Amino acid sequence: MKQDAYIHGLGFYAPEKVLTNADLEKLVETSDEWITTRTGIKERHIAAPGEATSDMAAAAAKAALADAGLAADALTHIFLYTVTPDYYTPSASCLMQEKLGIRGRVVQDVNAACCGYIYGLEMARAVVALHPEAKVLVAAAEVLTSRTNWADRRTCVLFGDAAAAAVVTGQAPAAGGARIIDTRLASDGSLGHLLTIKGGGSGHPYKLGDVIDEDFFLQMNGPEVYKHAVRSMATVCEEVVAANGLSWDDIDLFIPHQANLRIMEAVAKKLTLPREKVMVTVDRYGNTSASTIGIALVEARAEGRIKPGSKVLLGAFGGGFTWGAAILQF
């Protein structure tokens, strides 16, 4: 018998500092019109000096726990999805656990890039299937500005910092929450060279005295990423909807990874979903990688776009390449 998994609480955190397109005009050769037309982004949040991924993840986790009505010590597992951990070791999830005031849990950092949130829901489903009593925290947090090359006008306008979290258990909530109906995940390492942060890894090591170069920052072949993102995200969304016997009329809201408004609109068009069914937060937060979908879920619920009974489709694509989709029913 299949063990269902349920989201009991949602939360997110965005740093206080906001960097607008007008601010970027003073830093690099660009304009509000150029950024908005190509990306849909108007502003993004930037981590404060010394504010690390584990700090933001802990803040989002506390919000999700409060929403679920649970104390941190009720958690059994913590999974933190990020490409920008505080350090190589200790893991950001260990540091996050300490900041939640608990110890002794199962914790793990995972890198699924922008697909981290959906990959995390699948991980939580797997844990709950094995341990029905488990209470799993899925967190996604990024300080992407720590790996942003502010001299690269093509990429520096895209990214922001933020975190999101969800509490998942095997018990249906008394009220609110959502059942994870299904997920679909995929990847293709042969395309990984199109979106990279290579510097400092074992494939691109450094020694004392070396100068930091462009490989230490995010680099992307934009046109190729766009092409693969649209195709792969649309395909995986079609697969998960069809596999569950649903039609597009059954989908009340589509929350795509908030990377670029053009990509989101192209995917929605392929899926024949009208614009009013597409949740957009990229204008206010930019691309915050793994955390974008979690932020959009909280905002959609707050705006009344998610109601009891709503079926919400999630879709994402990111470095690796990775891609995935999920269906939630609230």
C-alpha atoms as a PDB file:
ATOM      1  CA  MET A   1       0.000   0.000   0.000  1.00  0.00           C
ATOM      2  CA  LYS A   2       1.383   3.381  -1.013  1.00  0.00           C
ATOM      3  CA  GLN A   3       2.204   5.799   1.799  1.00  0.00           C
ATOM      4  CA  ASP A   4       1.003   9.310   0.984  1.00  0.00           C
ATOM      5  CA  ALA A   5       3.103  12.350   1.897  1.00  0.00           C
ATOM      6  CA  TYR A   6       1.679  15.700   2.949  1.00  0.00           C
ATOM      7  CA  ILE A   7       3.028  19.222   3.212  1.00  0.00           C
ATOM      8  CA  HIS A   8       2.039  20.600   6.612  1.00  0.00           C
ATOM      9  CA  GLY A   9       3.831  23.939   6.591  1.00  0.00           C
ATOM     10  CA  LEU A  10       5.409  26.379   4.142  1.00  0.00           C
ATOM     11  CA  GLY A  11       7.767  29.273   4.741  1.00  0.00           C
ATOM     12  CA  PHE A  12      10.356  31.469   3.103  1.00  0.00           C
ATOM     13  CA  TYR A  13      12.896  34.141   3.914  1.00  0.00           C
ATOM     14  CA  ALA A  14      14.282  36.963   1.787  1.00  0.00           C
ATOM     15  CA  PRO A  15      17.021  39.322   2.974  1.00  0.00           C
ATOM     16  CA  GLU A  16      16.080  42.890   3.795  1.00  0.00           C
ATOM     17  CA  LYS A  17      18.302  44.592   1.218  1.00  0.00           C
ATOM     18  CA  VAL A  18      16.705  45.077  -2.200  1.00  0.00           C
ATOM     19  CA  LEU A  19      18.734  45.693  -5.362  1.00  0.00           C
ATOM     20  CA  THR A  20      16.636  47.320  -8.086  1.00  0.00           C
ATOM     21  CA  ASN A  21      17.297  47.573 -11.794  1.00  0.00           C
ATOM     22  CA  ALA A  22      18.014  51.256 -11.245  1.00  0.00           C
ATOM     23  CA  ASP A  23      20.718  50.264  -8.752  1.00  0.00           C
ATOM     24  CA  LEU A  24      22.239  47.900 -11.315  1.00  0.00           C
ATOM     25  CA  GLU A  25      22.396  50.702 -13.864  1.00  0.00           C
ATOM     26  CA  LYS A  26      25.024  52.267 -11.590  1.00  0.00           C
ATOM     27  CA  LEU A  27      27.077  49.067 -11.350  1.00  0.00           C
ATOM     28  CA  VAL A  28      27.182  47.742 -14.892  1.00  0.00           C
ATOM     29  CA  GLU A  29      26.262  48.787 -18.427  1.00  0.00           C
ATOM     30  CA  THR A  30      22.563  47.937 -18.462  1.00  0.00           C
ATOM     31  CA  SER A  31      19.125  49.533 -18.128  1.00  0.00           C
ATOM     32  CA  ASP A  32      15.810  48.827 -16.474  1.00  0.00           C
ATOM     33  CA  GLU A  33      14.220  48.498 -19.905  1.00  0.00           C
ATOM     34  CA  TRP A  34      16.827  45.965 -21.081  1.00  0.00           C
ATOM     35  CA  ILE A  35      16.511  43.815 -17.945  1.00  0.00           C
ATOM     36  CA  THR A  36      12.727  43.943 -17.753  1.00  0.00           C
ATOM     37  CA  THR A  37      12.181  43.167 -21.435  1.00  0.00           C
ATOM     38  CA  ARG A  38      14.497  40.149 -21.425  1.00  0.00           C
ATOM     39  CA  THR A  39      13.861  38.720 -17.975  1.00  0.00           C
ATOM     40  CA  GLY A  40      10.783  40.265 -16.353  1.00  0.00           C
ATOM     41  CA  ILE A  41      12.900  41.077 -13.268  1.00  0.00           C
ATOM     42  CA  LYS A  42      12.508  44.451 -11.543  1.00  0.00           C
ATOM     43  CA  GLU A  43      14.337  43.793  -8.250  1.00  0.00           C
ATOM     44  CA  ARG A  44      16.043  41.113  -6.194  1.00  0.00           C
ATOM     45  CA  HIS A  45      17.010  40.618  -2.523  1.00  0.00           C
ATOM     46  CA  ILE A  46      20.661  40.536  -1.481  1.00  0.00           C
ATOM     47  CA  ALA A  47      22.112  38.817   1.589  1.00  0.00           C
ATOM     48  CA  ALA A  48      23.670  41.069   4.203  1.00  0.00           C
ATOM     49  CA  PRO A  49      27.432  40.847   4.812  1.00  0.00           C
ATOM     50  CA  GLY A  50      28.070  37.690   6.804  1.00  0.00           C
ATOM     51  CA  GLU A  51      24.591  36.277   6.109  1.00  0.00           C
ATOM     52  CA  ALA A  52      25.126  32.704   4.944  1.00  0.00           C
ATOM     53  CA  THR A  53      22.983  30.030   3.319  1.00  0.00           C
ATOM     54  CA  SER A  54      22.422  28.241   6.655  1.00  0.00           C
ATOM     55  CA  ASP A  55      21.190  31.477   8.254  1.00  0.00           C
ATOM     56  CA  MET A  56      18.579  31.998   5.560  1.00  0.00           C
ATOM     57  CA  ALA A  57      17.590  28.322   5.515  1.00  0.00           C
ATOM     58  CA  ALA A  58      17.055  28.371   9.282  1.00  0.00           C
ATOM     59  CA  ALA A  59      14.856  31.466   8.995  1.00  0.00           C
ATOM     60  CA  ALA A  60      12.719  29.842   6.281  1.00  0.00           C
ATOM     61  CA  ALA A  61      12.548  26.638   8.322  1.00  0.00           C
ATOM     62  CA  LYS A  62      11.259  28.492  11.380  1.00  0.00           C
ATOM     63  CA  ALA A  63       8.523  30.047   9.249  1.00  0.00           C
ATOM     64  CA  ALA A  64       7.524  26.638   7.847  1.00  0.00           C
ATOM     65  CA  LEU A  65       7.532  25.047  11.307  1.00  0.00           C
ATOM     66  CA  ALA A  66       5.341  27.845  12.654  1.00  0.00           C
ATOM     67  CA  ASP A  67       2.956  27.351   9.735  1.00  0.00           C
ATOM     68  CA  ALA A  68       2.843  23.617  10.509  1.00  0.00           C
ATOM     69  CA  GLY A  69       2.373  24.209  14.233  1.00  0.00           C
ATOM     70  CA  LEU A  70       5.453  22.146  15.060  1.00  0.00           C
ATOM     71  CA  ALA A  71       8.534  22.734  17.181  1.00  0.00           C
ATOM     72  CA  ALA A  72      11.953  22.142  15.627  1.00  0.00           C
ATOM     73  CA  ASP A  73      12.630  19.199  17.931  1.00  0.00           C
ATOM     74  CA  ALA A  74       9.771  17.300  16.254  1.00  0.00           C
ATOM     75  CA  LEU A  75      11.847  17.005  13.054  1.00  0.00           C
ATOM     76  CA  THR A  76      13.512  13.706  12.170  1.00  0.00           C
ATOM     77  CA  HIS A  77      15.199  14.634   8.863  1.00  0.00           C
ATOM     78  CA  ILE A  78      16.577  17.866   7.384  1.00  0.00           C
ATOM     79  CA  PHE A  79      17.514  18.136   3.710  1.00  0.00           C
ATOM     80  CA  LEU A  80      19.016  21.386   2.439  1.00  0.00           C
ATOM     81  CA  TYR A  81      19.160  21.931  -1.319  1.00  0.00           C
ATOM     82  CA  THR A  82      21.766  24.469  -2.400  1.00  0.00           C
ATOM     83  CA  VAL A  83      24.621  25.203  -4.804  1.00  0.00           C
ATOM     84  CA  THR A  84      26.042  27.817  -2.416  1.00  0.00           C
ATOM     85  CA  PRO A  85      26.671  26.078   0.935  1.00  0.00           C
ATOM     86  CA  ASP A  86      28.414  28.011   3.698  1.00  0.00           C
ATOM     87  CA  TYR A  87      31.510  25.811   3.383  1.00  0.00           C
ATOM     88  CA  TYR A  88      32.669  22.510   1.886  1.00  0.00           C
ATOM     89  CA  THR A  89      32.469  21.184   5.424  1.00  0.00           C
ATOM     90  CA  PRO A  90      30.745  21.352   7.833  1.00  0.00           C
ATOM     91  CA  SER A  91      27.622  20.997   5.742  1.00  0.00           C
ATOM     92  CA  ALA A  92      25.136  23.860   5.678  1.00  0.00           C
ATOM     93  CA  SER A  93      22.445  21.439   6.876  1.00  0.00           C
ATOM     94  CA  CYS A  94      24.487  20.661  10.008  1.00  0.00           C
ATOM     95  CA  LEU A  95      24.906  24.373  10.680  1.00  0.00           C
ATOM     96  CA  MET A  96      21.216  24.953  10.003  1.00  0.00           C
ATOM     97  CA  GLN A  97      20.284  22.204  12.468  1.00  0.00           C
ATOM     98  CA  GLU A  98      22.379  23.913  15.151  1.00  0.00           C
ATOM     99  CA  LYS A  99      20.655  27.240  14.412  1.00  0.00           C
ATOM    100  CA  LEU A 100      17.302  25.517  14.934  1.00  0.00           C
ATOM    101  CA  GLY A 101      18.514  24.478  18.384  1.00  0.00           C
ATOM    102  CA  ILE A 102      18.434  20.723  17.767  1.00  0.00           C
ATOM    103  CA  ARG A 103      20.921  17.910  17.189  1.00  0.00           C
ATOM    104  CA  GLY A 104      21.058  14.234  16.339  1.00  0.00           C
ATOM    105  CA  ARG A 105      18.820  14.362  13.265  1.00  0.00           C
ATOM    106  CA  VAL A 106      19.461  13.004   9.795  1.00  0.00           C
ATOM    107  CA  VAL A 107      20.816  15.977   7.842  1.00  0.00           C
ATOM    108  CA  GLN A 108      22.182  16.297   4.326  1.00  0.00           C
ATOM    109  CA  ASP A 109      23.159  18.925   1.777  1.00  0.00           C
ATOM    110  CA  VAL A 110      22.048  18.133  -1.778  1.00  0.00           C
ATOM    111  CA  ASN A 111      22.873  19.940  -5.023  1.00  0.00           C
ATOM    112  CA  ALA A 112      20.101  19.748  -7.619  1.00  0.00           C
ATOM    113  CA  ALA A 113      20.526  23.414  -8.632  1.00  0.00           C
ATOM    114  CA  CYS A 114      17.259  25.161  -9.488  1.00  0.00           C
ATOM    115  CA  CYS A 115      15.310  21.888  -9.200  1.00  0.00           C
ATOM    116  CA  GLY A 116      16.218  21.500  -5.537  1.00  0.00           C
ATOM    117  CA  TYR A 117      12.751  22.132  -4.121  1.00  0.00           C
ATOM    118  CA  ILE A 118      11.074  19.486  -6.281  1.00  0.00           C
ATOM    119  CA  TYR A 119      13.923  17.035  -5.738  1.00  0.00           C
ATOM    120  CA  GLY A 120      13.436  17.683  -2.025  1.00  0.00           C
ATOM    121  CA  LEU A 121       9.749  16.805  -2.157  1.00  0.00           C
ATOM    122  CA  GLU A 122      10.650  13.492  -3.789  1.00  0.00           C
ATOM    123  CA  MET A 123      13.269  12.837  -1.092  1.00  0.00           C
ATOM    124  CA  ALA A 124      10.686  13.572   1.606  1.00  0.00           C
ATOM    125  CA  ARG A 125       8.189  11.199  -0.025  1.00  0.00           C
ATOM    126  CA  ALA A 126      10.802   8.460  -0.024  1.00  0.00           C
ATOM    127  CA  VAL A 127      11.653   8.963   3.651  1.00  0.00           C
ATOM    128  CA  VAL A 128       7.987   8.981   4.655  1.00  0.00           C
ATOM    129  CA  ALA A 129       7.404   5.782   2.670  1.00  0.00           C
ATOM    130  CA  LEU A 130      10.136   4.056   4.681  1.00  0.00           C
ATOM    131  CA  HIS A 131       9.405   5.804   7.984  1.00  0.00           C
ATOM    132  CA  PRO A 132       5.701   6.799   8.118  1.00  0.00           C
ATOM    133  CA  GLU A 133       6.269   8.543  11.455  1.00  0.00           C
ATOM    134  CA  ALA A 134       8.994  10.827  10.025  1.00  0.00           C
ATOM    135  CA  LYS A 135       8.744  14.609  10.002  1.00  0.00           C
ATOM    136  CA  VAL A 136      10.929  15.905   7.205  1.00  0.00           C
ATOM    137  CA  LEU A 137      12.121  19.451   6.644  1.00  0.00           C
ATOM    138  CA  VAL A 138      12.896  20.266   3.013  1.00  0.00           C
ATOM    139  CA  ALA A 139      14.825  23.529   2.709  1.00  0.00           C
ATOM    140  CA  ALA A 140      16.174  25.299  -0.363  1.00  0.00           C
ATOM    141  CA  ALA A 141      18.484  28.258   0.120  1.00  0.00           C
ATOM    142  CA  GLU A 142      20.933  30.190  -1.997  1.00  0.00           C
ATOM    143  CA  VAL A 143      23.310  33.113  -1.620  1.00  0.00           C
ATOM    144  CA  LEU A 144      23.827  33.278  -5.362  1.00  0.00           C
ATOM    145  CA  THR A 145      25.228  36.787  -5.168  1.00  0.00           C
ATOM    146  CA  SER A 146      28.300  35.230  -3.524  1.00  0.00           C
ATOM    147  CA  ARG A 147      28.969  33.544  -6.868  1.00  0.00           C
ATOM    148  CA  THR A 148      27.820  36.374  -9.132  1.00  0.00           C
ATOM    149  CA  ASN A 149      30.297  38.166 -11.377  1.00  0.00           C
ATOM    150  CA  TRP A 150      29.127  41.762 -11.088  1.00  0.00           C
ATOM    151  CA  ALA A 151      31.144  42.689 -14.183  1.00  0.00           C
ATOM    152  CA  ASP A 152      29.140  40.274 -16.369  1.00  0.00           C
ATOM    153  CA  ARG A 153      26.085  42.197 -17.530  1.00  0.00           C
ATOM    154  CA  ARG A 154      24.516  39.035 -18.970  1.00  0.00           C
ATOM    155  CA  THR A 155      24.249  37.208 -15.639  1.00  0.00           C
ATOM    156  CA  CYS A 156      24.542  39.709 -12.782  1.00  0.00           C
ATOM    157  CA  VAL A 157      21.044  41.076 -13.437  1.00  0.00           C
ATOM    158  CA  LEU A 158      19.400  37.670 -12.988  1.00  0.00           C
ATOM    159  CA  PHE A 159      20.111  36.429  -9.492  1.00  0.00           C
ATOM    160  CA  GLY A 160      19.023  37.111  -5.939  1.00  0.00           C
ATOM    161  CA  ASP A 161      19.300  35.492  -2.516  1.00  0.00           C
ATOM    162  CA  ALA A 162      16.500  33.747  -0.607  1.00  0.00           C
ATOM    163  CA  ALA A 163      15.389  30.552   1.115  1.00  0.00           C
ATOM    164  CA  ALA A 164      12.219  28.449   1.272  1.00  0.00           C
ATOM    165  CA  ALA A 165      11.157  25.445   3.322  1.00  0.00           C
ATOM    166  CA  ALA A 166       8.409  22.859   3.667  1.00  0.00           C
ATOM    167  CA  VAL A 167       7.537  20.402   6.437  1.00  0.00           C
ATOM    168  CA  VAL A 168       6.472  17.004   5.063  1.00  0.00           C
ATOM    169  CA  THR A 169       4.951  14.072   7.010  1.00  0.00           C
ATOM    170  CA  GLY A 170       2.976  10.918   6.320  1.00  0.00           C
ATOM    171  CA  GLN A 171      -0.123  12.129   8.166  1.00  0.00           C
ATOM    172  CA  ALA A 172      -2.815  14.243   6.538  1.00  0.00           C
ATOM    173  CA  PRO A 173      -3.116  17.641   8.231  1.00  0.00           C
ATOM    174  CA  ALA A 174      -6.324  18.392  10.119  1.00  0.00           C
ATOM    175  CA  ALA A 175      -6.702  21.561   8.054  1.00  0.00           C
ATOM    176  CA  GLY A 176      -4.732  23.235   5.310  1.00  0.00           C
ATOM    177  CA  GLY A 177      -1.605  21.715   3.863  1.00  0.00           C
ATOM    178  CA  ALA A 178      -1.301  19.715   0.661  1.00  0.00           C
ATOM    179  CA  ARG A 179      -0.932  16.120  -0.513  1.00  0.00           C
ATOM    180  CA  ILE A 180       1.988  15.437  -2.813  1.00  0.00           C
ATOM    181  CA  ILE A 181       0.166  13.608  -5.594  1.00  0.00           C
ATOM    182  CA  ASP A 182       3.256  12.766  -7.654  1.00  0.00           C
ATOM    183  CA  THR A 183       6.696  13.890  -8.809  1.00  0.00           C
ATOM    184  CA  ARG A 184       8.861  13.283 -11.881  1.00  0.00           C
ATOM    185  CA  LEU A 185      12.614  13.965 -11.985  1.00  0.00           C
ATOM    186  CA  ALA A 186      15.320  13.756 -14.653  1.00  0.00           C
ATOM    187  CA  SER A 187      18.869  14.880 -15.445  1.00  0.00           C
ATOM    188  CA  ASP A 188      21.494  14.987 -18.212  1.00  0.00           C
ATOM    189  CA  GLY A 189      25.138  15.551 -17.306  1.00  0.00           C
ATOM    190  CA  SER A 190      26.214  15.868 -20.947  1.00  0.00           C
ATOM    191  CA  LEU A 191      24.742  19.378 -20.922  1.00  0.00           C
ATOM    192  CA  GLY A 192      26.315  20.443 -17.640  1.00  0.00           C
ATOM    193  CA  HIS A 193      28.951  22.637 -19.320  1.00  0.00           C
ATOM    194  CA  LEU A 194      26.233  25.108 -20.345  1.00  0.00           C
ATOM    195  CA  LEU A 195      25.678  26.346 -16.761  1.00  0.00           C
ATOM    196  CA  THR A 196      28.576  26.174 -14.327  1.00  0.00           C
ATOM    197  CA  ILE A 197      30.326  27.365 -11.177  1.00  0.00           C
ATOM    198  CA  LYS A 198      33.593  25.443 -11.512  1.00  0.00           C
ATOM    199  CA  GLY A 199      36.258  27.249  -9.548  1.00  0.00           C
ATOM    200  CA  GLY A 200      37.425  25.625  -6.321  1.00  0.00           C
ATOM    201  CA  GLY A 201      36.024  22.173  -6.995  1.00  0.00           C
ATOM    202  CA  SER A 202      38.201  19.088  -7.370  1.00  0.00           C
ATOM    203  CA  GLY A 203      37.876  19.392 -11.147  1.00  0.00           C
ATOM    204  CA  HIS A 204      39.249  22.942 -10.957  1.00  0.00           C
ATOM    205  CA  PRO A 205      41.358  23.096  -7.774  1.00  0.00           C
ATOM    206  CA  TYR A 206      43.410  26.027  -6.610  1.00  0.00           C
ATOM    207  CA  LYS A 207      46.431  26.558  -4.421  1.00  0.00           C
ATOM    208  CA  LEU A 208      47.548  29.251  -2.024  1.00  0.00           C
ATOM    209  CA  GLY A 209      48.249  32.480  -3.867  1.00  0.00           C
ATOM    210  CA  ASP A 210      46.144  31.701  -6.946  1.00  0.00           C
ATOM    211  CA  VAL A 211      44.047  34.570  -8.267  1.00  0.00           C
ATOM    212  CA  ILE A 212      40.270  34.095  -8.405  1.00  0.00           C
ATOM    213  CA  ASP A 213      39.124  34.001 -12.035  1.00  0.00           C
ATOM    214  CA  GLU A 214      35.783  33.916 -13.863  1.00  0.00           C
ATOM    215  CA  ASP A 215      35.376  30.181 -13.286  1.00  0.00           C
ATOM    216  CA  PHE A 216      34.679  30.889  -9.617  1.00  0.00           C
ATOM    217  CA  PHE A 217      31.454  32.625 -10.619  1.00  0.00           C
ATOM    218  CA  LEU A 218      28.301  31.505 -12.363  1.00  0.00           C
ATOM    219  CA  GLN A 219      28.698  31.222 -16.129  1.00  0.00           C
ATOM    220  CA  MET A 220      25.906  30.415 -18.526  1.00  0.00           C
ATOM    221  CA  ASN A 221      25.233  29.949 -22.219  1.00  0.00           C
ATOM    222  CA  GLY A 222      21.902  31.765 -22.100  1.00  0.00           C
ATOM    223  CA  PRO A 223      20.413  30.820 -25.493  1.00  0.00           C
ATOM    224  CA  GLU A 224      21.199  27.121 -25.062  1.00  0.00           C
ATOM    225  CA  VAL A 225      19.912  27.046 -21.491  1.00  0.00           C
ATOM    226  CA  TYR A 226      16.684  28.720 -22.642  1.00  0.00           C
ATOM    227  CA  LYS A 227      16.137  26.127 -25.360  1.00  0.00           C
ATOM    228  CA  HIS A 228      16.712  23.114 -23.120  1.00  0.00           C
ATOM    229  CA  ALA A 229      14.803  24.638 -20.195  1.00  0.00           C
ATOM    230  CA  VAL A 230      11.622  25.184 -22.191  1.00  0.00           C
ATOM    231  CA  ARG A 231      11.692  21.776 -23.844  1.00  0.00           C
ATOM    232  CA  SER A 232      12.584  19.746 -20.757  1.00  0.00           C
ATOM    233  CA  MET A 233      10.299  21.559 -18.318  1.00  0.00           C
ATOM    234  CA  ALA A 234       7.318  21.287 -20.649  1.00  0.00           C
ATOM    235  CA  THR A 235       7.963  17.585 -21.290  1.00  0.00           C
ATOM    236  CA  VAL A 236       8.271  16.607 -17.630  1.00  0.00           C
ATOM    237  CA  CYS A 237       5.131  18.584 -16.757  1.00  0.00           C
ATOM    238  CA  GLU A 238       3.212  16.793 -19.510  1.00  0.00           C
ATOM    239  CA  GLU A 239       4.477  13.454 -18.202  1.00  0.00           C
ATOM    240  CA  VAL A 240       3.395  13.958 -14.604  1.00  0.00           C
ATOM    241  CA  VAL A 241      -0.039  15.294 -15.581  1.00  0.00           C
ATOM    242  CA  ALA A 242      -0.691  12.416 -17.984  1.00  0.00           C
ATOM    243  CA  ALA A 243       0.594   9.790 -15.554  1.00  0.00           C
ATOM    244  CA  ASN A 244      -2.030  10.854 -13.023  1.00  0.00           C
ATOM    245  CA  GLY A 245      -4.941  10.875 -15.442  1.00  0.00           C
ATOM    246  CA  LEU A 246      -5.354  14.637 -15.312  1.00  0.00           C
ATOM    247  CA  SER A 247      -6.114  17.203 -17.990  1.00  0.00           C
ATOM    248  CA  TRP A 248      -4.856  20.761 -18.177  1.00  0.00           C
ATOM    249  CA  ASP A 249      -8.305  21.920 -17.075  1.00  0.00           C
ATOM    250  CA  ASP A 250      -7.666  20.084 -13.790  1.00  0.00           C
ATOM    251  CA  ILE A 251      -4.619  22.264 -13.059  1.00  0.00           C
ATOM    252  CA  ASP A 252      -5.662  25.339 -11.083  1.00  0.00           C
ATOM    253  CA  LEU A 253      -2.231  26.971 -10.868  1.00  0.00           C
ATOM    254  CA  PHE A 254       1.169  26.452 -12.497  1.00  0.00           C
ATOM    255  CA  ILE A 255       4.250  27.479 -10.521  1.00  0.00           C
ATOM    256  CA  PRO A 256       7.337  27.246 -12.732  1.00  0.00           C
ATOM    257  CA  HIS A 257      10.891  27.897 -11.572  1.00  0.00           C
ATOM    258  CA  GLN A 258      11.210  31.672 -11.557  1.00  0.00           C
ATOM    259  CA  ALA A 259      14.295  32.033 -13.742  1.00  0.00           C
ATOM    260  CA  ASN A 260      13.142  34.241 -16.555  1.00  0.00           C
ATOM    261  CA  LEU A 261       9.674  35.413 -17.554  1.00  0.00           C
ATOM    262  CA  ARG A 262      10.303  34.489 -21.182  1.00  0.00           C
ATOM    263  CA  ILE A 263      11.031  30.872 -20.250  1.00  0.00           C
ATOM    264  CA  MET A 264       7.987  30.683 -18.000  1.00  0.00           C
ATOM    265  CA  GLU A 265       5.673  32.079 -20.685  1.00  0.00           C
ATOM    266  CA  ALA A 266       7.104  29.744 -23.330  1.00  0.00           C
ATOM    267  CA  VAL A 267       6.543  26.691 -21.120  1.00  0.00           C
ATOM    268  CA  ALA A 268       2.989  27.770 -20.263  1.00  0.00           C
ATOM    269  CA  LYS A 269       2.256  28.218 -23.973  1.00  0.00           C
ATOM    270  CA  LYS A 270       3.509  24.709 -24.740  1.00  0.00           C
ATOM    271  CA  LEU A 271       1.262  23.380 -21.968  1.00  0.00           C
ATOM    272  CA  THR A 272      -1.728  25.417 -23.246  1.00  0.00           C
ATOM    273  CA  LEU A 273      -2.069  27.034 -19.818  1.00  0.00           C
ATOM    274  CA  PRO A 274      -3.488  30.579 -19.832  1.00  0.00           C
ATOM    275  CA  ARG A 275      -1.444  33.390 -18.319  1.00  0.00           C
ATOM    276  CA  GLU A 276      -3.858  33.766 -15.399  1.00  0.00           C
ATOM    277  CA  LYS A 277      -2.947  30.252 -14.248  1.00  0.00           C
ATOM    278  CA  VAL A 278       0.786  31.023 -14.071  1.00  0.00           C
ATOM    279  CA  MET A 279       2.277  32.297 -10.801  1.00  0.00           C
ATOM    280  CA  VAL A 280       4.961  34.960 -11.256  1.00  0.00           C
ATOM    281  CA  THR A 281       7.305  36.240  -8.545  1.00  0.00           C
ATOM    282  CA  VAL A 282      10.472  36.653 -10.627  1.00  0.00           C
ATOM    283  CA  ASP A 283       9.786  40.383 -10.907  1.00  0.00           C
ATOM    284  CA  ARG A 284      10.258  40.829  -7.131  1.00  0.00           C
ATOM    285  CA  TYR A 285      12.929  38.262  -6.274  1.00  0.00           C
ATOM    286  CA  GLY A 286      14.832  37.431  -9.441  1.00  0.00           C
ATOM    287  CA  ASN A 287      16.202  33.934  -9.895  1.00  0.00           C
ATOM    288  CA  THR A 288      16.937  32.499  -6.433  1.00  0.00           C
ATOM    289  CA  SER A 289      17.649  29.025  -7.813  1.00  0.00           C
ATOM    290  CA  ALA A 290      16.338  26.189  -5.624  1.00  0.00           C
ATOM    291  CA  SER A 291      14.117  28.443  -3.494  1.00  0.00           C
ATOM    292  CA  THR A 292      11.988  30.100  -6.195  1.00  0.00           C
ATOM    293  CA  ILE A 293       9.151  27.565  -6.203  1.00  0.00           C
ATOM    294  CA  GLY A 294       8.889  27.539  -2.412  1.00  0.00           C
ATOM    295  CA  ILE A 295       8.635  31.326  -2.338  1.00  0.00           C
ATOM    296  CA  ALA A 296       5.975  31.313  -5.050  1.00  0.00           C
ATOM    297  CA  LEU A 297       3.920  28.706  -3.165  1.00  0.00           C
ATOM    298  CA  VAL A 298       3.793  30.880  -0.049  1.00  0.00           C
ATOM    299  CA  GLU A 299       2.963  34.008  -2.042  1.00  0.00           C
ATOM    300  CA  ALA A 300       0.277  32.244  -4.100  1.00  0.00           C
ATOM    301  CA  ARG A 301      -1.432  31.022  -0.951  1.00  0.00           C
ATOM    302  CA  ALA A 302      -1.233  34.478   0.631  1.00  0.00           C
ATOM    303  CA  GLU A 303      -2.761  36.034  -2.488  1.00  0.00           C
ATOM    304  CA  GLY A 304      -5.674  33.583  -2.406  1.00  0.00           C
ATOM    305  CA  ARG A 305      -4.642  31.867  -5.626  1.00  0.00           C
ATOM    306  CA  ILE A 306      -4.485  28.525  -3.828  1.00  0.00           C
ATOM    307  CA  LYS A 307      -7.727  27.354  -2.246  1.00  0.00           C
ATOM    308  CA  PRO A 308      -8.866  24.107  -0.610  1.00  0.00           C
ATOM    309  CA  GLY A 309      -8.974  21.494  -3.358  1.00  0.00           C
ATOM    310  CA  SER A 310      -6.618  23.365  -5.707  1.00  0.00           C
ATOM    311  CA  LYS A 311      -4.302  21.253  -7.825  1.00  0.00           C
ATOM    312  CA  VAL A 312      -0.963  23.015  -8.266  1.00  0.00           C
ATOM    313  CA  LEU A 313       1.622  21.985 -10.844  1.00  0.00           C
ATOM    314  CA  LEU A 314       5.283  22.716 -10.103  1.00  0.00           C
ATOM    315  CA  GLY A 315       7.971  22.657 -12.799  1.00  0.00           C
ATOM    316  CA  ALA A 316      11.695  23.413 -12.700  1.00  0.00           C
ATOM    317  CA  PHE A 317      14.912  23.211 -14.695  1.00  0.00           C
ATOM    318  CA  GLY A 318      18.447  23.877 -13.524  1.00  0.00           C
ATOM    319  CA  GLY A 319      22.163  23.270 -13.761  1.00  0.00           C
ATOM    320  CA  GLY A 320      23.402  19.746 -14.107  1.00  0.00           C
ATOM    321  CA  PHE A 321      21.179  19.693 -16.117  1.00  0.00           C
ATOM    322  CA  THR A 322      18.328  18.686 -13.848  1.00  0.00           C
ATOM    323  CA  TRP A 323      14.597  19.055 -14.330  1.00  0.00           C
ATOM    324  CA  GLY A 324      11.427  17.944 -12.621  1.00  0.00           C
ATOM    325  CA  ALA A 325       7.739  18.450 -11.933  1.00  0.00           C
ATOM    326  CA  ALA A 326       5.289  17.788  -9.105  1.00  0.00           C
ATOM    327  CA  ILE A 327       1.552  17.982  -8.518  1.00  0.00           C
ATOM    328  CA  LEU A 328       0.161  19.093  -5.169  1.00  0.00           C
ATOM    329  CA  GLN A 329      -3.443  19.062  -4.020  1.00  0.00           C
ATOM    330  CA  PHE A 330      -4.365  21.509  -1.272  1.00  0.00           C
END
